Structures are given as structure tokens and as C-alpha cells.
N, C-alpha and C. Protein backbone atom coordinates (compact mmCIF):
# COMPACT_ATOMS: atom_id res chain seq x y z
N UNK A 1 -16.97 31.66 16.54
CA UNK A 1 -15.92 31.02 15.76
C UNK A 1 -15.47 31.97 14.64
N UNK A 2 -14.17 32.14 14.52
CA UNK A 2 -13.64 32.99 13.46
C UNK A 2 -13.08 32.14 12.33
N UNK A 3 -13.18 32.67 11.12
CA UNK A 3 -12.65 32.01 9.93
C UNK A 3 -11.69 32.96 9.24
N UNK A 4 -10.83 32.41 8.38
CA UNK A 4 -9.87 33.26 7.69
C UNK A 4 -10.55 34.28 6.79
N UNK A 5 -11.73 33.96 6.28
CA UNK A 5 -12.44 34.91 5.43
C UNK A 5 -12.98 36.11 6.20
N UNK A 6 -12.98 36.01 7.54
CA UNK A 6 -13.46 37.13 8.35
C UNK A 6 -12.59 38.36 8.19
N UNK A 7 -11.37 38.18 7.68
CA UNK A 7 -10.51 39.33 7.44
C UNK A 7 -11.16 40.28 6.44
N UNK A 8 -11.99 39.73 5.55
CA UNK A 8 -12.71 40.55 4.57
C UNK A 8 -14.18 40.71 4.92
N UNK A 9 -14.75 39.67 5.51
CA UNK A 9 -16.19 39.67 5.79
C UNK A 9 -16.44 40.08 7.23
N UNK A 10 -16.56 41.36 7.44
CA UNK A 10 -16.88 41.90 8.76
C UNK A 10 -18.35 41.60 9.07
N UNK A 11 -18.79 41.80 10.31
CA UNK A 11 -20.22 41.61 10.61
C UNK A 11 -21.14 42.41 9.70
N UNK A 12 -20.72 43.62 9.35
CA UNK A 12 -21.56 44.45 8.47
C UNK A 12 -21.63 43.84 7.07
N UNK A 13 -20.51 43.32 6.58
CA UNK A 13 -20.49 42.67 5.27
C UNK A 13 -21.36 41.42 5.28
N UNK A 14 -21.23 40.63 6.33
CA UNK A 14 -22.03 39.41 6.44
C UNK A 14 -23.52 39.73 6.48
N UNK A 15 -23.87 40.80 7.16
CA UNK A 15 -25.28 41.19 7.25
C UNK A 15 -25.83 41.55 5.88
N UNK A 16 -25.04 42.25 5.09
CA UNK A 16 -25.48 42.62 3.74
C UNK A 16 -25.56 41.37 2.86
N UNK A 17 -24.58 40.47 2.99
CA UNK A 17 -24.64 39.21 2.23
C UNK A 17 -25.90 38.43 2.58
N UNK A 18 -26.23 38.41 3.85
CA UNK A 18 -27.44 37.70 4.29
C UNK A 18 -28.68 38.34 3.70
N UNK A 19 -28.72 39.65 3.72
CA UNK A 19 -29.89 40.37 3.22
C UNK A 19 -30.06 40.20 1.71
N UNK A 20 -28.94 40.03 1.01
CA UNK A 20 -29.01 39.95 -0.44
C UNK A 20 -28.87 38.53 -0.98
N UNK A 21 -28.84 37.56 -0.09
CA UNK A 21 -28.93 36.17 -0.50
C UNK A 21 -27.65 35.45 -0.86
N UNK A 22 -26.48 36.03 -0.56
CA UNK A 22 -25.23 35.37 -0.93
C UNK A 22 -24.47 34.79 0.26
N UNK A 23 -24.98 34.99 1.47
CA UNK A 23 -24.22 34.58 2.65
C UNK A 23 -23.98 33.07 2.70
N UNK A 24 -24.96 32.28 2.35
CA UNK A 24 -24.83 30.83 2.45
C UNK A 24 -23.68 30.31 1.60
N UNK A 25 -23.54 30.85 0.39
CA UNK A 25 -22.46 30.41 -0.50
C UNK A 25 -21.10 30.73 0.08
N UNK A 26 -20.95 31.91 0.65
CA UNK A 26 -19.67 32.29 1.23
C UNK A 26 -19.40 31.54 2.54
N UNK A 27 -20.44 31.24 3.26
CA UNK A 27 -20.27 30.51 4.52
C UNK A 27 -19.73 29.11 4.27
N UNK A 28 -20.07 28.52 3.12
CA UNK A 28 -19.58 27.17 2.80
C UNK A 28 -18.08 27.15 2.51
N UNK A 29 -17.53 28.28 2.15
CA UNK A 29 -16.09 28.35 1.89
C UNK A 29 -15.47 29.44 2.77
N UNK A 30 -15.75 29.32 4.05
CA UNK A 30 -15.32 30.34 5.00
C UNK A 30 -13.82 30.33 5.26
N UNK A 31 -13.20 29.15 5.04
CA UNK A 31 -11.75 29.07 5.25
C UNK A 31 -11.02 29.34 3.94
N UNK A 32 -10.37 30.47 3.88
CA UNK A 32 -9.58 30.83 2.71
C UNK A 32 -8.14 30.38 2.91
N UNK A 33 -7.42 30.11 1.82
CA UNK A 33 -6.00 29.75 1.96
C UNK A 33 -5.22 30.87 2.62
N UNK A 34 -4.18 30.50 3.34
CA UNK A 34 -3.32 31.49 3.96
C UNK A 34 -1.84 31.16 3.74
N UNK A 35 -1.60 30.17 2.87
CA UNK A 35 -0.23 29.79 2.55
C UNK A 35 -0.04 29.79 1.04
N UNK A 36 1.17 30.06 0.62
CA UNK A 36 1.47 30.14 -0.80
C UNK A 36 1.61 28.74 -1.38
N UNK A 37 0.77 28.42 -2.34
CA UNK A 37 0.81 27.13 -3.01
C UNK A 37 1.79 27.19 -4.18
N UNK A 38 2.18 26.04 -4.72
CA UNK A 38 3.03 26.06 -5.92
C UNK A 38 2.40 26.82 -7.08
N UNK A 39 1.08 26.73 -7.21
CA UNK A 39 0.39 27.43 -8.29
C UNK A 39 0.50 28.95 -8.10
N UNK A 40 0.31 29.41 -6.86
CA UNK A 40 0.43 30.84 -6.60
C UNK A 40 1.87 31.30 -6.77
N UNK A 41 2.81 30.47 -6.35
CA UNK A 41 4.23 30.81 -6.51
C UNK A 41 4.57 31.00 -7.98
N UNK A 42 4.05 30.12 -8.84
CA UNK A 42 4.30 30.24 -10.28
C UNK A 42 3.68 31.53 -10.83
N UNK A 43 2.51 31.87 -10.34
CA UNK A 43 1.84 33.10 -10.76
C UNK A 43 2.65 34.32 -10.35
N UNK A 44 3.11 34.34 -9.09
CA UNK A 44 3.86 35.49 -8.59
C UNK A 44 5.19 35.66 -9.33
N UNK A 45 5.74 34.57 -9.79
CA UNK A 45 7.03 34.63 -10.49
C UNK A 45 6.94 35.39 -11.81
N UNK A 46 5.71 35.59 -12.31
CA UNK A 46 5.53 36.24 -13.60
C UNK A 46 4.97 37.65 -13.50
N UNK A 47 4.46 38.05 -12.34
CA UNK A 47 3.79 39.35 -12.27
C UNK A 47 4.80 40.48 -12.30
N UNK A 48 4.36 41.61 -12.86
CA UNK A 48 5.23 42.78 -13.01
C UNK A 48 4.69 44.00 -12.28
N UNK A 49 3.52 43.87 -11.69
CA UNK A 49 2.98 45.00 -10.94
C UNK A 49 1.87 44.54 -10.02
N UNK A 50 1.62 45.33 -9.00
CA UNK A 50 0.50 45.09 -8.10
C UNK A 50 0.18 46.39 -7.38
N UNK A 51 -0.90 46.37 -6.60
CA UNK A 51 -1.28 47.54 -5.81
C UNK A 51 -1.23 47.17 -4.34
N UNK A 52 -0.62 48.05 -3.56
CA UNK A 52 -0.48 47.84 -2.12
C UNK A 52 -1.35 48.86 -1.40
N UNK A 53 -2.30 48.36 -0.61
CA UNK A 53 -3.21 49.23 0.12
C UNK A 53 -2.84 49.23 1.60
N UNK A 54 -2.85 50.42 2.19
CA UNK A 54 -2.61 50.59 3.61
C UNK A 54 -3.62 51.61 4.13
N UNK A 55 -3.60 51.83 5.42
CA UNK A 55 -4.48 52.84 6.00
C UNK A 55 -3.79 53.46 7.20
N UNK A 56 -4.12 54.71 7.48
CA UNK A 56 -3.57 55.39 8.64
C UNK A 56 -4.24 54.86 9.91
N UNK A 57 -3.77 55.29 11.05
CA UNK A 57 -4.37 54.86 12.31
C UNK A 57 -5.83 55.27 12.40
N UNK A 58 -6.19 56.37 11.74
CA UNK A 58 -7.58 56.84 11.76
C UNK A 58 -8.45 56.14 10.73
N UNK A 59 -7.83 55.29 9.89
CA UNK A 59 -8.60 54.54 8.90
C UNK A 59 -8.61 55.14 7.52
N UNK A 60 -7.87 56.22 7.28
CA UNK A 60 -7.82 56.81 5.94
C UNK A 60 -7.07 55.88 5.00
N UNK A 61 -7.71 55.35 3.96
CA UNK A 61 -7.05 54.38 3.07
C UNK A 61 -6.13 55.05 2.06
N UNK A 62 -5.20 54.25 1.57
CA UNK A 62 -4.28 54.72 0.53
C UNK A 62 -3.84 53.51 -0.28
N UNK A 63 -3.79 53.68 -1.59
CA UNK A 63 -3.37 52.61 -2.50
C UNK A 63 -2.23 53.14 -3.36
N UNK A 64 -1.16 52.36 -3.45
CA UNK A 64 -0.03 52.76 -4.28
C UNK A 64 0.40 51.61 -5.17
N UNK A 65 0.75 51.95 -6.40
CA UNK A 65 1.21 50.95 -7.37
C UNK A 65 2.67 50.59 -7.11
N UNK A 66 2.99 49.31 -7.27
CA UNK A 66 4.37 48.85 -7.22
C UNK A 66 4.64 48.06 -8.50
N UNK A 67 5.75 48.34 -9.15
CA UNK A 67 6.08 47.65 -10.39
C UNK A 67 7.54 47.27 -10.45
N UNK A 68 7.86 46.37 -11.35
CA UNK A 68 9.24 45.93 -11.52
C UNK A 68 9.29 44.79 -12.51
N UNK A 69 10.45 44.18 -12.65
CA UNK A 69 10.58 43.04 -13.57
C UNK A 69 9.82 41.83 -13.05
N UNK A 70 9.52 40.86 -13.91
CA UNK A 70 8.77 39.68 -13.46
C UNK A 70 9.40 39.04 -12.22
N UNK A 71 8.57 38.77 -11.23
CA UNK A 71 9.03 38.10 -10.02
C UNK A 71 9.66 39.01 -8.98
N UNK A 72 9.50 40.35 -9.13
CA UNK A 72 10.13 41.23 -8.14
C UNK A 72 9.45 41.13 -6.77
N UNK A 73 8.21 40.64 -6.73
CA UNK A 73 7.57 40.33 -5.46
C UNK A 73 8.00 38.92 -5.07
N UNK A 74 8.89 38.83 -4.11
CA UNK A 74 9.57 37.57 -3.80
C UNK A 74 8.87 36.80 -2.68
N UNK A 75 8.99 35.48 -2.76
CA UNK A 75 8.48 34.60 -1.71
C UNK A 75 9.61 34.32 -0.73
N UNK A 76 9.39 34.70 0.53
CA UNK A 76 10.37 34.43 1.59
C UNK A 76 10.13 33.04 2.16
N UNK A 77 8.87 32.75 2.46
CA UNK A 77 8.44 31.41 2.87
C UNK A 77 6.97 31.29 2.52
N UNK A 78 6.33 30.23 2.93
CA UNK A 78 4.95 29.97 2.47
C UNK A 78 3.92 30.94 3.03
N UNK A 79 4.30 31.79 3.97
CA UNK A 79 3.37 32.79 4.50
C UNK A 79 3.92 34.21 4.42
N UNK A 80 5.05 34.40 3.78
CA UNK A 80 5.70 35.72 3.78
C UNK A 80 6.16 36.11 2.38
N UNK A 81 5.85 37.33 2.00
CA UNK A 81 6.32 37.93 0.76
C UNK A 81 7.15 39.16 1.11
N UNK A 82 8.01 39.55 0.21
CA UNK A 82 8.81 40.76 0.43
C UNK A 82 9.24 41.32 -0.91
N UNK A 83 9.51 42.61 -0.93
CA UNK A 83 10.02 43.23 -2.16
C UNK A 83 10.88 44.44 -1.81
N UNK A 84 11.83 44.71 -2.69
CA UNK A 84 12.66 45.89 -2.56
C UNK A 84 11.83 47.10 -2.98
N UNK A 85 11.81 48.10 -2.13
CA UNK A 85 11.03 49.30 -2.40
C UNK A 85 11.96 50.37 -2.95
N UNK A 86 11.56 50.98 -4.07
CA UNK A 86 12.41 51.95 -4.74
C UNK A 86 12.09 53.37 -4.27
N UNK A 87 13.05 54.25 -4.44
CA UNK A 87 12.81 55.66 -4.14
C UNK A 87 11.81 56.21 -5.14
N UNK A 88 10.82 56.96 -4.62
CA UNK A 88 9.77 57.47 -5.47
C UNK A 88 9.55 58.95 -5.30
N UNK A 89 8.28 59.33 -5.06
CA UNK A 89 7.93 60.75 -5.01
C UNK A 89 8.17 61.38 -3.65
N UNK A 90 8.68 60.61 -2.70
CA UNK A 90 9.06 61.09 -1.37
C UNK A 90 7.87 61.52 -0.52
N UNK A 91 6.68 61.06 -0.83
CA UNK A 91 5.53 61.36 0.02
C UNK A 91 5.51 60.48 1.27
N UNK A 92 5.98 59.25 1.17
CA UNK A 92 6.09 58.31 2.29
C UNK A 92 4.74 58.01 2.96
N UNK A 93 3.67 58.01 2.17
CA UNK A 93 2.36 57.74 2.76
C UNK A 93 2.26 56.28 3.20
N UNK A 94 2.69 55.35 2.32
CA UNK A 94 2.66 53.93 2.68
C UNK A 94 3.54 53.68 3.90
N UNK A 95 4.74 54.23 3.89
CA UNK A 95 5.67 54.04 5.01
C UNK A 95 5.09 54.60 6.31
N UNK A 96 4.50 55.78 6.23
CA UNK A 96 3.89 56.38 7.42
C UNK A 96 2.70 55.58 7.93
N UNK A 97 1.86 55.12 7.00
CA UNK A 97 0.70 54.31 7.41
C UNK A 97 1.14 53.05 8.13
N UNK A 98 2.15 52.36 7.58
CA UNK A 98 2.60 51.11 8.18
C UNK A 98 3.28 51.34 9.52
N UNK A 99 3.78 52.54 9.76
CA UNK A 99 4.40 52.85 11.04
C UNK A 99 3.38 52.88 12.18
N UNK A 100 2.10 53.12 11.83
CA UNK A 100 1.08 53.20 12.87
C UNK A 100 -0.05 52.20 12.70
N UNK A 101 -0.10 51.53 11.55
CA UNK A 101 -1.15 50.54 11.31
C UNK A 101 -0.59 49.47 10.37
N UNK A 102 -0.28 48.28 10.88
CA UNK A 102 0.37 47.26 10.05
C UNK A 102 -0.54 46.56 9.06
N UNK A 103 -1.85 46.75 9.16
CA UNK A 103 -2.75 46.05 8.24
C UNK A 103 -2.51 46.52 6.81
N UNK A 104 -2.45 45.53 5.90
CA UNK A 104 -2.16 45.85 4.50
C UNK A 104 -2.88 44.87 3.59
N UNK A 105 -2.92 45.23 2.31
CA UNK A 105 -3.65 44.44 1.33
C UNK A 105 -2.92 44.56 0.00
N UNK A 106 -2.70 43.43 -0.66
CA UNK A 106 -2.09 43.42 -1.99
C UNK A 106 -3.12 42.96 -3.01
N UNK A 107 -3.29 43.74 -4.05
CA UNK A 107 -4.22 43.42 -5.12
C UNK A 107 -3.42 43.25 -6.40
N UNK A 108 -3.52 42.06 -6.99
CA UNK A 108 -2.77 41.75 -8.21
C UNK A 108 -3.74 41.51 -9.36
N UNK A 109 -3.58 42.26 -10.42
CA UNK A 109 -4.39 42.07 -11.62
C UNK A 109 -3.48 41.67 -12.76
N UNK A 110 -3.70 40.49 -13.31
CA UNK A 110 -2.91 40.01 -14.44
C UNK A 110 -3.84 39.97 -15.65
N UNK A 111 -3.70 40.97 -16.51
CA UNK A 111 -4.66 41.16 -17.59
C UNK A 111 -4.52 40.13 -18.70
N UNK A 112 -3.32 39.66 -18.96
CA UNK A 112 -3.13 38.72 -20.06
C UNK A 112 -3.91 37.43 -19.82
N UNK A 113 -3.82 36.90 -18.59
CA UNK A 113 -4.53 35.66 -18.26
C UNK A 113 -5.87 35.93 -17.58
N UNK A 114 -6.20 37.19 -17.38
CA UNK A 114 -7.47 37.62 -16.77
C UNK A 114 -7.64 36.99 -15.38
N UNK A 115 -6.62 37.19 -14.55
CA UNK A 115 -6.66 36.70 -13.18
C UNK A 115 -6.47 37.86 -12.22
N UNK A 116 -7.15 37.77 -11.08
CA UNK A 116 -6.90 38.73 -10.01
C UNK A 116 -6.78 37.98 -8.69
N UNK A 117 -5.77 38.35 -7.94
CA UNK A 117 -5.49 37.71 -6.66
C UNK A 117 -5.54 38.77 -5.58
N UNK A 118 -6.18 38.44 -4.46
CA UNK A 118 -6.28 39.36 -3.34
C UNK A 118 -5.58 38.75 -2.13
N UNK A 119 -4.69 39.52 -1.53
CA UNK A 119 -3.91 39.05 -0.40
C UNK A 119 -4.10 39.99 0.78
N UNK A 120 -4.64 39.46 1.88
CA UNK A 120 -4.78 40.23 3.11
C UNK A 120 -3.63 39.87 4.06
N UNK A 121 -3.23 40.84 4.87
CA UNK A 121 -2.20 40.54 5.84
C UNK A 121 -1.72 41.77 6.57
N UNK A 122 -0.50 41.68 7.05
CA UNK A 122 0.15 42.82 7.70
C UNK A 122 1.50 43.04 7.03
N UNK A 123 1.98 44.25 7.14
CA UNK A 123 3.25 44.57 6.49
C UNK A 123 4.10 45.44 7.40
N UNK A 124 5.38 45.40 7.16
CA UNK A 124 6.31 46.26 7.89
C UNK A 124 7.39 46.75 6.94
N UNK A 125 7.97 47.88 7.29
CA UNK A 125 9.05 48.48 6.51
C UNK A 125 10.37 48.17 7.20
N UNK A 126 11.32 47.69 6.43
CA UNK A 126 12.67 47.40 6.94
C UNK A 126 13.65 48.34 6.25
N UNK A 127 14.32 49.17 7.03
CA UNK A 127 15.21 50.18 6.45
C UNK A 127 16.69 49.94 6.76
N UNK A 128 16.98 48.99 7.62
CA UNK A 128 18.35 48.84 8.10
C UNK A 128 18.96 47.47 7.80
N UNK A 129 18.46 46.80 6.78
CA UNK A 129 18.98 45.48 6.44
C UNK A 129 19.46 45.50 4.99
N UNK A 130 20.70 45.91 4.80
CA UNK A 130 21.24 46.03 3.44
C UNK A 130 21.38 44.67 2.76
N UNK A 131 21.64 43.63 3.56
CA UNK A 131 21.78 42.29 2.99
C UNK A 131 20.44 41.82 2.42
N UNK A 132 19.36 42.06 3.16
CA UNK A 132 18.02 41.67 2.68
C UNK A 132 17.66 42.47 1.45
N UNK A 133 17.97 43.76 1.45
CA UNK A 133 17.66 44.60 0.29
C UNK A 133 18.41 44.10 -0.94
N UNK A 134 19.67 43.75 -0.77
CA UNK A 134 20.46 43.24 -1.89
C UNK A 134 19.91 41.91 -2.39
N UNK A 135 19.44 41.07 -1.47
CA UNK A 135 18.89 39.77 -1.84
C UNK A 135 17.61 39.91 -2.66
N UNK A 136 16.82 40.91 -2.33
CA UNK A 136 15.53 41.10 -3.00
C UNK A 136 15.62 41.97 -4.25
N UNK A 137 16.76 42.62 -4.44
CA UNK A 137 16.86 43.56 -5.55
C UNK A 137 16.84 42.82 -6.88
N UNK A 138 15.96 43.22 -7.80
CA UNK A 138 15.93 42.58 -9.13
C UNK A 138 17.22 42.84 -9.88
N UNK A 139 17.87 41.80 -10.30
CA UNK A 139 19.17 41.93 -10.95
C UNK A 139 19.08 42.78 -12.21
N UNK A 140 19.94 43.79 -12.27
CA UNK A 140 19.99 44.63 -13.46
C UNK A 140 18.91 45.68 -13.56
N UNK A 141 18.01 45.76 -12.56
CA UNK A 141 16.90 46.71 -12.66
C UNK A 141 17.40 48.12 -12.34
N UNK A 142 17.02 49.07 -13.19
CA UNK A 142 17.48 50.45 -13.04
C UNK A 142 16.51 51.25 -12.18
N UNK A 143 16.82 51.33 -10.90
CA UNK A 143 16.04 52.12 -9.96
C UNK A 143 16.92 52.40 -8.75
N UNK A 144 16.46 53.26 -7.87
CA UNK A 144 17.22 53.60 -6.67
C UNK A 144 16.63 52.88 -5.47
N UNK A 145 17.39 52.00 -4.83
CA UNK A 145 16.85 51.26 -3.68
C UNK A 145 16.67 52.16 -2.46
N UNK A 146 15.66 51.86 -1.68
CA UNK A 146 15.42 52.66 -0.48
C UNK A 146 15.18 51.80 0.75
N UNK A 147 14.32 50.79 0.64
CA UNK A 147 13.95 50.00 1.80
C UNK A 147 13.31 48.70 1.34
N UNK A 148 12.90 47.89 2.30
CA UNK A 148 12.22 46.62 2.01
C UNK A 148 10.86 46.65 2.70
N UNK A 149 9.88 46.10 2.03
CA UNK A 149 8.57 45.89 2.66
C UNK A 149 8.31 44.39 2.74
N UNK A 150 8.02 43.94 3.94
CA UNK A 150 7.77 42.52 4.21
C UNK A 150 6.28 42.36 4.51
N UNK A 151 5.65 41.42 3.84
CA UNK A 151 4.21 41.22 3.93
C UNK A 151 3.92 39.82 4.49
N UNK A 152 3.18 39.76 5.61
CA UNK A 152 2.80 38.48 6.22
C UNK A 152 1.36 38.17 5.85
N UNK A 153 1.15 37.02 5.24
CA UNK A 153 -0.18 36.64 4.75
C UNK A 153 -1.14 36.24 5.86
N UNK A 154 -2.39 36.67 5.70
CA UNK A 154 -3.47 36.23 6.59
C UNK A 154 -4.52 35.45 5.81
N UNK A 155 -4.77 35.84 4.57
CA UNK A 155 -5.78 35.17 3.75
C UNK A 155 -5.56 35.49 2.29
N UNK A 156 -5.95 34.54 1.44
CA UNK A 156 -5.80 34.67 -0.01
C UNK A 156 -7.13 34.36 -0.68
N UNK A 157 -7.50 35.19 -1.65
CA UNK A 157 -8.72 34.92 -2.40
C UNK A 157 -8.48 35.23 -3.86
N UNK A 158 -9.13 34.48 -4.72
CA UNK A 158 -9.00 34.67 -6.16
C UNK A 158 -10.37 34.87 -6.77
N UNK A 159 -10.52 35.95 -7.53
CA UNK A 159 -11.80 36.26 -8.17
C UNK A 159 -11.92 35.61 -9.53
N UNK A 160 -13.15 35.50 -9.98
CA UNK A 160 -13.40 35.00 -11.32
C UNK A 160 -12.99 36.06 -12.34
N UNK A 161 -12.77 35.68 -13.60
CA UNK A 161 -12.29 36.64 -14.60
C UNK A 161 -13.36 37.53 -15.20
N UNK A 162 -14.58 37.42 -14.72
CA UNK A 162 -15.68 38.20 -15.31
C UNK A 162 -15.36 39.69 -15.28
N UNK A 163 -15.58 40.33 -16.39
CA UNK A 163 -15.42 41.79 -16.58
C UNK A 163 -13.96 42.24 -16.61
N UNK A 164 -12.98 41.34 -16.56
CA UNK A 164 -11.58 41.75 -16.66
C UNK A 164 -11.21 41.83 -18.14
N UNK A 165 -10.85 42.99 -18.66
CA UNK A 165 -10.45 43.08 -20.07
C UNK A 165 -9.12 42.38 -20.28
N UNK A 166 -8.97 41.73 -21.40
CA UNK A 166 -7.71 41.04 -21.68
C UNK A 166 -6.76 42.01 -22.38
N UNK A 167 -5.62 42.23 -21.74
CA UNK A 167 -4.60 43.12 -22.30
C UNK A 167 -3.24 42.45 -22.14
N UNK A 168 -2.29 42.90 -22.96
CA UNK A 168 -0.97 42.28 -22.95
C UNK A 168 0.11 43.34 -22.78
N UNK A 169 1.21 42.93 -22.17
CA UNK A 169 2.33 43.85 -21.99
C UNK A 169 2.94 44.19 -23.35
N UNK A 170 3.30 45.45 -23.52
CA UNK A 170 3.82 45.92 -24.80
C UNK A 170 5.06 45.14 -25.22
N UNK A 171 5.96 44.84 -24.25
CA UNK A 171 7.18 44.13 -24.62
C UNK A 171 6.88 42.71 -25.08
N UNK A 172 5.84 42.08 -24.51
CA UNK A 172 5.45 40.74 -24.94
C UNK A 172 4.90 40.78 -26.36
N UNK A 173 4.07 41.78 -26.62
CA UNK A 173 3.51 41.93 -27.97
C UNK A 173 4.63 42.21 -28.98
N UNK A 174 5.59 43.06 -28.58
CA UNK A 174 6.70 43.39 -29.48
C UNK A 174 7.52 42.15 -29.82
N UNK A 175 7.76 41.28 -28.83
CA UNK A 175 8.51 40.05 -29.10
C UNK A 175 7.76 39.15 -30.06
N UNK A 176 6.44 39.03 -29.86
CA UNK A 176 5.62 38.18 -30.73
C UNK A 176 5.61 38.73 -32.15
N UNK A 177 5.42 40.04 -32.28
CA UNK A 177 5.39 40.66 -33.60
C UNK A 177 6.75 40.51 -34.28
N UNK A 178 7.83 40.70 -33.52
CA UNK A 178 9.17 40.56 -34.09
C UNK A 178 9.41 39.15 -34.60
N UNK A 179 8.98 38.16 -33.81
CA UNK A 179 9.15 36.76 -34.23
C UNK A 179 8.33 36.47 -35.48
N UNK A 180 7.10 36.98 -35.52
CA UNK A 180 6.25 36.76 -36.69
C UNK A 180 6.81 37.47 -37.92
N UNK A 181 7.34 38.68 -37.73
CA UNK A 181 7.93 39.42 -38.84
C UNK A 181 9.13 38.67 -39.41
N UNK A 182 9.97 38.13 -38.51
CA UNK A 182 11.13 37.36 -38.96
C UNK A 182 10.71 36.11 -39.72
N UNK A 183 9.64 35.46 -39.23
CA UNK A 183 9.15 34.26 -39.90
C UNK A 183 8.58 34.58 -41.27
N UNK A 184 7.86 35.70 -41.38
CA UNK A 184 7.31 36.12 -42.66
C UNK A 184 8.43 36.39 -43.66
N UNK A 185 9.48 37.08 -43.18
CA UNK A 185 10.62 37.36 -44.06
C UNK A 185 11.28 36.08 -44.53
N UNK A 186 11.38 35.10 -43.64
CA UNK A 186 11.96 33.80 -43.98
C UNK A 186 11.12 33.09 -45.04
N UNK A 187 9.81 33.12 -44.86
CA UNK A 187 8.93 32.46 -45.83
C UNK A 187 8.95 33.18 -47.18
N UNK A 188 8.99 34.51 -47.12
CA UNK A 188 9.05 35.26 -48.38
C UNK A 188 10.33 34.94 -49.14
N UNK A 189 11.45 34.78 -48.42
CA UNK A 189 12.71 34.41 -49.06
C UNK A 189 12.62 33.03 -49.69
N UNK A 190 11.95 32.09 -49.00
CA UNK A 190 11.77 30.75 -49.54
C UNK A 190 10.92 30.78 -50.80
N UNK A 191 9.85 31.59 -50.77
CA UNK A 191 8.98 31.71 -51.93
C UNK A 191 9.74 32.29 -53.12
N UNK A 192 10.55 33.31 -52.84
CA UNK A 192 11.33 33.93 -53.92
C UNK A 192 12.32 32.93 -54.52
N UNK A 193 12.93 32.12 -53.67
CA UNK A 193 13.86 31.10 -54.16
C UNK A 193 13.15 30.07 -55.03
N UNK A 194 11.98 29.62 -54.58
CA UNK A 194 11.20 28.64 -55.34
C UNK A 194 10.75 29.21 -56.68
N UNK A 195 10.35 30.49 -56.71
CA UNK A 195 9.94 31.13 -57.96
C UNK A 195 11.11 31.22 -58.93
N UNK A 196 12.26 31.57 -58.38
CA UNK A 196 13.43 31.69 -59.24
C UNK A 196 13.80 30.33 -59.83
N UNK A 197 13.69 29.27 -59.06
CA UNK A 197 13.99 27.92 -59.55
C UNK A 197 12.98 27.52 -60.60
N UNK A 198 11.70 27.85 -60.37
CA UNK A 198 10.65 27.51 -61.33
C UNK A 198 10.86 28.24 -62.65
N UNK A 199 11.21 29.50 -62.56
CA UNK A 199 11.47 30.29 -63.77
C UNK A 199 12.67 29.73 -64.54
N UNK A 200 13.71 29.36 -63.79
CA UNK A 200 14.90 28.81 -64.43
C UNK A 200 14.58 27.48 -65.11
N UNK A 201 13.76 26.67 -64.44
CA UNK A 201 13.37 25.39 -65.03
C UNK A 201 12.52 25.58 -66.26
N UNK A 202 11.66 26.59 -66.25
CA UNK A 202 10.80 26.84 -67.39
C UNK A 202 11.57 27.33 -68.59
N UNK A 203 12.63 28.06 -68.35
CA UNK A 203 13.45 28.59 -69.44
C UNK A 203 14.40 27.52 -69.99
N UNK A 204 14.66 26.48 -69.14
CA UNK A 204 15.58 25.45 -69.57
C UNK A 204 14.95 24.45 -70.43
């Protein structure tokens, strides 16, 4: 009998889990989600980066970062994700790997909320669908479009936040600091006004 978690837990992995005492716990939750829930959709709508892993036909792994404005990784349907792929360093390692091995993996780390999501599946490169590329393109984003990558989900897993450092995006911090600075200036102006009124009353 196969389970959705088998995409990650090969016989060798299961044997090590058994030897080290963790197999029973994982066996109890052998069926992992394979569809996008409303909660995951809300999470994806806010992410600004992720890592896409592929491998060549011989099994040589490769991981590449993908980034963009919040929500650039789009939901096509409850089992499909897609994103507009920008022109980069022209190595085409991901594109070449997917041409001969469709297996792929998306790793999302969200440092502010200390969440990590792992997505197993298959992926393909679409180079001849300008309408799809335009649909997925983040509005106003300054980059050069090249192609689309479509990801079909096989399994989803979420790790605990242990050992994830909490960090925040610089633009989010800048907005918070700007708002606090404006509020401080407003309060200082109010204090100055109250002092001036108090001084005037004291002299009167």
C-alpha cells in the first residue's frame, strides 16, 4: 500500500526511521495533504520567495531561488501552482532538468511567522503561451519575462518552527518605523502645544 508521504519516505528513509524510533509516529500520519486549502492559499498570497529544487535524469540535484512581489506564486486550481519565470543568468539548469526529469520540490521559508512549507510534485516549463504568461505576470513588477513554470502537487508537509530564526522584510520594517516616527512627531507636536498653553495660562 502506498501513501502520499511515500513521496518523501522512501524504503531507505523508513528503515532509518524504524531504527531510530520515529517510524510509528510518521506511520500514523502517512496521508499528507495534496490539495491547496484556504489556509495554504492565504499563506501563498503573502510569500515573496521560495526555493525550487529539480534534478537531472542522472539524479544530480539543483536548487534555485525564485522571488517576486507577494503572491507571485499563483494558484491555478487546488492541485496546481504556476509562476512567471524571469530571465536570469542564462544557465537554464532548472529548465534543462525539467526537460528530462519532471520531479520537483518547492521549499518555502517564511521567517516573519516562522513557518516552512514543503511541496512535492512535478513541474513543466511552458514557453509558448503568452496569454498564460501575461496572466501570471505580477502587475508592475520590473523584470524580463521568459517562460512559465507549472507545478502539479503530489504532497504537502509543514514543519514545526523549531530553530527557524525570526526575521522581517526590510520594507515591512521600514513601513513600521515610518509609521512610528510619524506618530512620535504627532505626539511631540501635541506636547509642545500643551506646554505652550500651560505657559500662557501661567503668565495670565
